[in-house]
Amino acid sequence: MRDDHVFEDLYKSYAPSVFRRARQLLGQDADAYEIVQELFLSIFEHPEQYQGRSVMMTFLYSATTHACLNRIRNGKNRERLRHDHFLSDESTTASRLTPEQAAMLHRAIQALPDDIGQAAIYFAIDGMTHQEIAEVMHCSRRHVGDLLARAADWLRNNEGAPC
């Protein structure tokens, strides 16, 4: 049986952070609000999905990123991001991306497999290091490097192709 007070406290504590994360990735308040509602409804209906392998905020950060990635993928616009503005080096961060470049990045990620897309978001938008990405994705730094290399290869090989 669920404890509604515990869920209410969880929502009050973490919904603002989830909203900010979703808005950062999606760029729109309305979409971010929907992600918050969908994510917390999912947790309410299936609390077992939080397995305690990390702190709650890490779990929610990852779940929010995943939900936003799915939302981006399902969007109608499927233009491409030019690879010369993406994954050029480990110092690439959201603060160095123009709004146009960030929008192109969002659209390009739609076509990438889920794990590669997540790594690309953490790296290019959040400016996370390979180690930080590895911790959030529960994998090795080497695997993160491989995912980012595959993203860069995919972008290089598909430049100009419709998504």
Foldseek 3Di string as FASTA:
>chain_A
DDDVVVLVVVCVVPLVVQLVLLCLLQVDNVRSVVLSVVVSVCCVVCVVVCPPPDDPNLVSNLSSLLVSLVVLLPDDDQAAQQLVLFPPDLQAEQVPADPVNSNRLSNNLSPDPRVLSSLRCCRRYVSDGLVVSCVSVVHDSVVSVVSPVVSSVVNVVQPPPTD
